[in-house]
C-alpha atoms as a PDB file:
ATOM      1  CA  UNK A   1      74.128  26.512 133.945  1.00  0.00           C
ATOM      2  CA  UNK A   2      77.584  27.873 133.135  1.00  0.00           C
ATOM      3  CA  UNK A   3      79.716  25.497 131.078  1.00  0.00           C
ATOM      4  CA  UNK A   4      82.977  25.745 129.124  1.00  0.00           C
ATOM      5  CA  UNK A   5      82.411  26.679 125.508  1.00  0.00           C
ATOM      6  CA  UNK A   6      82.978  29.260 122.822  1.00  0.00           C
ATOM      7  CA  UNK A   7      82.943  32.975 123.351  1.00  0.00           C
ATOM      8  CA  UNK A   8      80.115  34.217 121.151  1.00  0.00           C
ATOM      9  CA  UNK A   9      79.770  37.748 122.508  1.00  0.00           C
ATOM     10  CA  UNK A  10      76.014  37.187 122.731  1.00  0.00           C
ATOM     11  CA  UNK A  11      74.300  37.302 126.089  1.00  0.00           C
ATOM     12  CA  UNK A  12      71.246  38.768 127.777  1.00  0.00           C
ATOM     13  CA  UNK A  13      71.050  40.316 131.217  1.00  0.00           C
ATOM     14  CA  UNK A  14      68.122  40.598 133.564  1.00  0.00           C
ATOM     15  CA  UNK A  15      67.502  41.290 137.207  1.00  0.00           C
ATOM     16  CA  UNK A  16      64.925  39.499 139.337  1.00  0.00           C
ATOM     17  CA  UNK A  17      63.626  37.049 136.738  1.00  0.00           C
ATOM     18  CA  UNK A  18      65.569  33.968 135.622  1.00  0.00           C
ATOM     19  CA  UNK A  19      66.390  34.146 131.916  1.00  0.00           C
ATOM     20  CA  UNK A  20      65.632  30.942 130.039  1.00  0.00           C
ATOM     21  CA  UNK A  21      65.043  29.603 126.550  1.00  0.00           C
ATOM     22  CA  UNK A  22      61.787  28.168 125.186  1.00  0.00           C
ATOM     23  CA  UNK A  23      62.402  24.874 127.006  1.00  0.00           C
ATOM     24  CA  UNK A  24      63.026  26.523 130.367  1.00  0.00           C
ATOM     25  CA  UNK A  25      66.809  26.075 130.300  1.00  0.00           C
ATOM     26  CA  UNK A  26      69.130  28.841 131.454  1.00  0.00           C
ATOM     27  CA  UNK A  27      72.662  28.487 130.130  1.00  0.00           C
ATOM     28  CA  UNK A  28      75.765  30.399 129.118  1.00  0.00           C
ATOM     29  CA  UNK A  29      79.369  29.611 128.327  1.00  0.00           C
ATOM     30  CA  UNK A  30      81.941  30.496 130.972  1.00  0.00           C
ATOM     31  CA  UNK A  31      83.628  32.678 128.353  1.00  0.00           C
ATOM     32  CA  UNK A  32      80.488  34.745 127.652  1.00  0.00           C
ATOM     33  CA  UNK A  33      79.679  34.923 131.356  1.00  0.00           C
ATOM     34  CA  UNK A  34      83.127  36.430 132.023  1.00  0.00           C
ATOM     35  CA  UNK A  35      82.613  39.026 129.269  1.00  0.00           C
ATOM     36  CA  UNK A  36      79.154  39.882 130.618  1.00  0.00           C
ATOM     37  CA  UNK A  37      80.528  40.300 134.130  1.00  0.00           C
ATOM     38  CA  UNK A  38      83.264  42.692 133.007  1.00  0.00           C
ATOM     39  CA  UNK A  39      80.861  44.602 130.725  1.00  0.00           C
ATOM     40  CA  UNK A  40      78.392  45.130 133.568  1.00  0.00           C
ATOM     41  CA  UNK A  41      81.142  46.166 135.991  1.00  0.00           C
ATOM     42  CA  UNK A  42      82.383  48.752 133.497  1.00  0.00           C
ATOM     43  CA  UNK A  43      78.883  50.126 132.863  1.00  0.00           C
ATOM     44  CA  UNK A  44      78.253  50.514 136.579  1.00  0.00           C
ATOM     45  CA  UNK A  45      74.480  50.526 136.123  1.00  0.00           C
ATOM     46  CA  UNK A  46      73.731  47.371 138.086  1.00  0.00           C
ATOM     47  CA  UNK A  47      75.587  47.995 141.345  1.00  0.00           C
ATOM     48  CA  UNK A  48      74.169  46.317 144.440  1.00  0.00           C
ATOM     49  CA  UNK A  49      71.604  44.464 142.352  1.00  0.00           C
ATOM     50  CA  UNK A  50      71.009  40.833 141.472  1.00  0.00           C
ATOM     51  CA  UNK A  51      71.958  40.207 137.831  1.00  0.00           C
ATOM     52  CA  UNK A  52      71.137  37.172 135.698  1.00  0.00           C
ATOM     53  CA  UNK A  53      73.177  36.434 132.574  1.00  0.00           C
ATOM     54  CA  UNK A  54      72.088  33.940 129.915  1.00  0.00           C
ATOM     55  CA  UNK A  55      72.521  33.285 126.225  1.00  0.00           C
END
């Protein structure tokens, strides 16, 4: 779930496995998702791959 919220600068990335917390929820703020997207584009390590982003 991506929802509006604060930019914390904290996020995790993964590939083929959904990232979730202890209760099985996967969430991130839209602000942190945007930062993660730009960070991963700049790194260039995950091209043509599925990427999961979660807090």
